[in-house]
Amino acid sequence: MSSSVNTSSRATRRHVSAASRLLLAAAGIAAFAGAVTSIGALAPALWLLPDLTMLAGLSRNMPRDGRMPPRAVPFYNAAHALFGPLAVTAAGLIAGPFILGLGLVWLSHVLVDRAVGYGLRTAEGFQRG
């Protein structure tokens, strides 16, 4: 009976090859190095900032099956989509090193998340496939 829950949560995860994960990790580390070059010690302090979006789902009735509470999903997905950090990084090429560093630290977070198997979520809160 619990296998149906496991199967459904597994079914929403997509397989990413080891080579793809390695490439994502390398790109994330390179982006982080660029962020440190641009904004220094502020980069490590900001790296986990996108994960604060998960706080939107905190409650006593949290799902225990690997799902994120559905009310947190839009915030989490917005903070973990590639468009945002790519746009900020591109703007930073014009605006200067501080904005560039913010974009790169955000991009690093998203890429490393993808490398370790975290991606966007479905409306129900499962990992998207």
C-alpha atoms as a PDB file:
ATOM      1  CA  MET A   1       0.000   0.000   0.000  1.00  0.00           C
ATOM      2  CA  SER A   2       2.791   2.394   0.762  1.00  0.00           C
ATOM      3  CA  SER A   3       4.449   1.249  -2.472  1.00  0.00           C
ATOM      4  CA  SER A   4       1.885   3.274  -4.441  1.00  0.00           C
ATOM      5  CA  VAL A   5       3.080   6.412  -2.657  1.00  0.00           C
ATOM      6  CA  ASN A   6       6.696   5.506  -3.346  1.00  0.00           C
ATOM      7  CA  THR A   7       5.913   4.656  -6.952  1.00  0.00           C
ATOM      8  CA  SER A   8       4.073   7.918  -7.550  1.00  0.00           C
ATOM      9  CA  SER A   9       6.841   9.989  -5.998  1.00  0.00           C
ATOM     10  CA  ARG A  10       9.446   8.071  -7.995  1.00  0.00           C
ATOM     11  CA  ALA A  11       7.423   8.440 -11.187  1.00  0.00           C
ATOM     12  CA  THR A  12       7.673  12.231 -10.961  1.00  0.00           C
ATOM     13  CA  ARG A  13      11.480  12.149 -10.799  1.00  0.00           C
ATOM     14  CA  ARG A  14      13.344  12.087 -14.056  1.00  0.00           C
ATOM     15  CA  HIS A  15      16.552  10.227 -14.638  1.00  0.00           C
ATOM     16  CA  VAL A  16      19.566  12.480 -15.111  1.00  0.00           C
ATOM     17  CA  SER A  17      22.766  10.833 -16.272  1.00  0.00           C
ATOM     18  CA  ALA A  18      25.923  10.958 -14.193  1.00  0.00           C
ATOM     19  CA  ALA A  19      27.620  12.993 -16.933  1.00  0.00           C
ATOM     20  CA  SER A  20      24.799  15.558 -16.873  1.00  0.00           C
ATOM     21  CA  ARG A  21      24.974  15.801 -13.092  1.00  0.00           C
ATOM     22  CA  LEU A  22      28.738  16.295 -13.257  1.00  0.00           C
ATOM     23  CA  LEU A  23      28.331  19.028 -15.871  1.00  0.00           C
ATOM     24  CA  LEU A  24      25.659  20.773 -13.779  1.00  0.00           C
ATOM     25  CA  ALA A  25      27.864  20.576 -10.687  1.00  0.00           C
ATOM     26  CA  ALA A  26      30.869  21.966 -12.561  1.00  0.00           C
ATOM     27  CA  ALA A  27      28.790  24.848 -13.945  1.00  0.00           C
ATOM     28  CA  GLY A  28      27.405  25.537 -10.470  1.00  0.00           C
ATOM     29  CA  ILE A  29      30.877  25.619  -8.944  1.00  0.00           C
ATOM     30  CA  ALA A  30      32.123  27.905 -11.736  1.00  0.00           C
ATOM     31  CA  ALA A  31      29.159  30.241 -11.183  1.00  0.00           C
ATOM     32  CA  PHE A  32      29.901  30.282  -7.455  1.00  0.00           C
ATOM     33  CA  ALA A  33      33.555  31.125  -8.125  1.00  0.00           C
ATOM     34  CA  GLY A  34      32.371  34.027 -10.279  1.00  0.00           C
ATOM     35  CA  ALA A  35      30.028  35.137  -7.512  1.00  0.00           C
ATOM     36  CA  VAL A  36      32.833  35.105  -4.940  1.00  0.00           C
ATOM     37  CA  THR A  37      34.990  37.109  -7.353  1.00  0.00           C
ATOM     38  CA  SER A  38      32.159  39.635  -7.792  1.00  0.00           C
ATOM     39  CA  ILE A  39      30.750  39.992  -4.278  1.00  0.00           C
ATOM     40  CA  GLY A  40      33.259  38.261  -2.013  1.00  0.00           C
ATOM     41  CA  ALA A  41      32.169  36.867   1.344  1.00  0.00           C
ATOM     42  CA  LEU A  42      28.555  37.810   0.660  1.00  0.00           C
ATOM     43  CA  ALA A  43      28.289  34.928  -1.841  1.00  0.00           C
ATOM     44  CA  PRO A  44      28.376  32.065   0.711  1.00  0.00           C
ATOM     45  CA  ALA A  45      25.983  33.976   2.953  1.00  0.00           C
ATOM     46  CA  LEU A  46      23.421  34.252   0.142  1.00  0.00           C
ATOM     47  CA  TRP A  47      23.798  30.775  -1.328  1.00  0.00           C
ATOM     48  CA  LEU A  48      20.938  29.150   0.612  1.00  0.00           C
ATOM     49  CA  LEU A  49      18.582  32.110   0.218  1.00  0.00           C
ATOM     50  CA  PRO A  50      16.429  30.426  -2.493  1.00  0.00           C
ATOM     51  CA  ASP A  51      15.647  27.592  -0.070  1.00  0.00           C
ATOM     52  CA  LEU A  52      14.000  29.999   2.352  1.00  0.00           C
ATOM     53  CA  THR A  53      10.981  29.758   0.062  1.00  0.00           C
ATOM     54  CA  MET A  54      10.276  26.386   1.657  1.00  0.00           C
ATOM     55  CA  LEU A  55       9.359  28.246   4.854  1.00  0.00           C
ATOM     56  CA  ALA A  56       6.130  29.278   3.118  1.00  0.00           C
ATOM     57  CA  GLY A  57       4.917  25.720   3.595  1.00  0.00           C
ATOM     58  CA  LEU A  58       5.736  25.213   7.262  1.00  0.00           C
ATOM     59  CA  SER A  59       2.826  23.967   9.329  1.00  0.00           C
ATOM     60  CA  ARG A  60       1.933  21.280  11.834  1.00  0.00           C
ATOM     61  CA  ASN A  61       0.334  19.213   9.066  1.00  0.00           C
ATOM     62  CA  MET A  62       3.357  18.844   6.801  1.00  0.00           C
ATOM     63  CA  PRO A  63       3.179  15.963   4.293  1.00  0.00           C
ATOM     64  CA  ARG A  64       5.405  13.049   5.338  1.00  0.00           C
ATOM     65  CA  ASP A  65       5.708  11.443   1.905  1.00  0.00           C
ATOM     66  CA  GLY A  66       8.458  13.569   0.387  1.00  0.00           C
ATOM     67  CA  ARG A  67       6.106  16.254  -0.872  1.00  0.00           C
ATOM     68  CA  MET A  68       6.504  19.929  -0.279  1.00  0.00           C
ATOM     69  CA  PRO A  69       3.332  21.582   1.049  1.00  0.00           C
ATOM     70  CA  PRO A  70       1.434  22.776  -2.056  1.00  0.00           C
ATOM     71  CA  ARG A  71       1.209  26.375  -0.835  1.00  0.00           C
ATOM     72  CA  ALA A  72       5.036  26.617  -0.893  1.00  0.00           C
ATOM     73  CA  VAL A  73       5.403  25.214  -4.427  1.00  0.00           C
ATOM     74  CA  PRO A  74       4.898  28.465  -6.412  1.00  0.00           C
ATOM     75  CA  PHE A  75       7.483  30.278  -4.280  1.00  0.00           C
ATOM     76  CA  TYR A  76       9.960  27.404  -4.440  1.00  0.00           C
ATOM     77  CA  ASN A  77       9.544  26.978  -8.202  1.00  0.00           C
ATOM     78  CA  ALA A  78       9.977  30.715  -8.815  1.00  0.00           C
ATOM     79  CA  ALA A  79      13.213  30.723  -6.824  1.00  0.00           C
ATOM     80  CA  HIS A  80      14.537  27.558  -8.496  1.00  0.00           C
ATOM     81  CA  ALA A  81      13.669  28.149 -12.163  1.00  0.00           C
ATOM     82  CA  LEU A  82      16.637  29.044 -14.373  1.00  0.00           C
ATOM     83  CA  PHE A  83      15.016  32.144 -15.873  1.00  0.00           C
ATOM     84  CA  GLY A  84      15.441  34.325 -12.764  1.00  0.00           C
ATOM     85  CA  PRO A  85      19.150  33.805 -12.129  1.00  0.00           C
ATOM     86  CA  LEU A  86      19.952  33.958 -15.850  1.00  0.00           C
ATOM     87  CA  ALA A  87      18.077  37.269 -16.151  1.00  0.00           C
ATOM     88  CA  VAL A  88      19.806  38.758 -13.091  1.00  0.00           C
ATOM     89  CA  THR A  89      23.198  37.542 -14.323  1.00  0.00           C
ATOM     90  CA  ALA A  90      22.571  39.083 -17.755  1.00  0.00           C
ATOM     91  CA  ALA A  91      21.473  42.353 -16.125  1.00  0.00           C
ATOM     92  CA  GLY A  92      24.635  42.244 -14.022  1.00  0.00           C
ATOM     93  CA  LEU A  93      26.751  42.291 -17.170  1.00  0.00           C
ATOM     94  CA  ILE A  94      25.355  45.782 -17.720  1.00  0.00           C
ATOM     95  CA  ALA A  95      24.657  46.957 -14.159  1.00  0.00           C
ATOM     96  CA  GLY A  96      27.950  45.914 -12.618  1.00  0.00           C
ATOM     97  CA  PRO A  97      29.681  43.386 -10.394  1.00  0.00           C
ATOM     98  CA  PHE A  98      27.246  43.451  -7.469  1.00  0.00           C
ATOM     99  CA  ILE A  99      24.196  42.503  -9.575  1.00  0.00           C
ATOM    100  CA  LEU A 100      26.340  40.064 -11.544  1.00  0.00           C
ATOM    101  CA  GLY A 101      27.430  38.402  -8.280  1.00  0.00           C
ATOM    102  CA  LEU A 102      23.838  38.111  -7.074  1.00  0.00           C
ATOM    103  CA  GLY A 103      22.834  36.442 -10.335  1.00  0.00           C
ATOM    104  CA  LEU A 104      25.808  34.081 -10.249  1.00  0.00           C
ATOM    105  CA  VAL A 105      25.254  32.973  -6.644  1.00  0.00           C
ATOM    106  CA  TRP A 106      21.579  32.315  -7.426  1.00  0.00           C
ATOM    107  CA  LEU A 107      22.526  30.468 -10.621  1.00  0.00           C
ATOM    108  CA  SER A 108      25.067  28.405  -8.683  1.00  0.00           C
ATOM    109  CA  HIS A 109      22.414  27.352  -6.175  1.00  0.00           C
ATOM    110  CA  VAL A 110      19.962  26.280  -8.881  1.00  0.00           C
ATOM    111  CA  LEU A 111      22.600  24.357 -10.862  1.00  0.00           C
ATOM    112  CA  VAL A 112      23.955  22.522  -7.820  1.00  0.00           C
ATOM    113  CA  ASP A 113      20.403  21.636  -6.771  1.00  0.00           C
ATOM    114  CA  ARG A 114      19.859  20.109 -10.210  1.00  0.00           C
ATOM    115  CA  ALA A 115      23.192  18.259  -9.971  1.00  0.00           C
ATOM    116  CA  VAL A 116      22.195  16.572  -6.711  1.00  0.00           C
ATOM    117  CA  GLY A 117      18.719  15.678  -7.949  1.00  0.00           C
ATOM    118  CA  TYR A 118      16.485  18.517  -6.785  1.00  0.00           C
ATOM    119  CA  GLY A 119      14.343  20.217  -9.373  1.00  0.00           C
ATOM    120  CA  LEU A 120      11.089  22.051  -9.730  1.00  0.00           C
ATOM    121  CA  ARG A 121       7.977  20.699  -8.001  1.00  0.00           C
ATOM    122  CA  THR A 122       4.557  19.674  -9.245  1.00  0.00           C
ATOM    123  CA  ALA A 123       1.470  21.484  -7.913  1.00  0.00           C
ATOM    124  CA  GLU A 124       1.070  18.600  -5.434  1.00  0.00           C
ATOM    125  CA  GLY A 125       4.615  19.185  -4.131  1.00  0.00           C
ATOM    126  CA  PHE A 126       6.457  16.206  -5.658  1.00  0.00           C
ATOM    127  CA  GLN A 127       9.702  16.521  -7.614  1.00  0.00           C
ATOM    128  CA  ARG A 128       8.795  17.295 -11.212  1.00  0.00           C
ATOM    129  CA  GLY A 129       9.763  14.778 -13.857  1.00  0.00           C
END
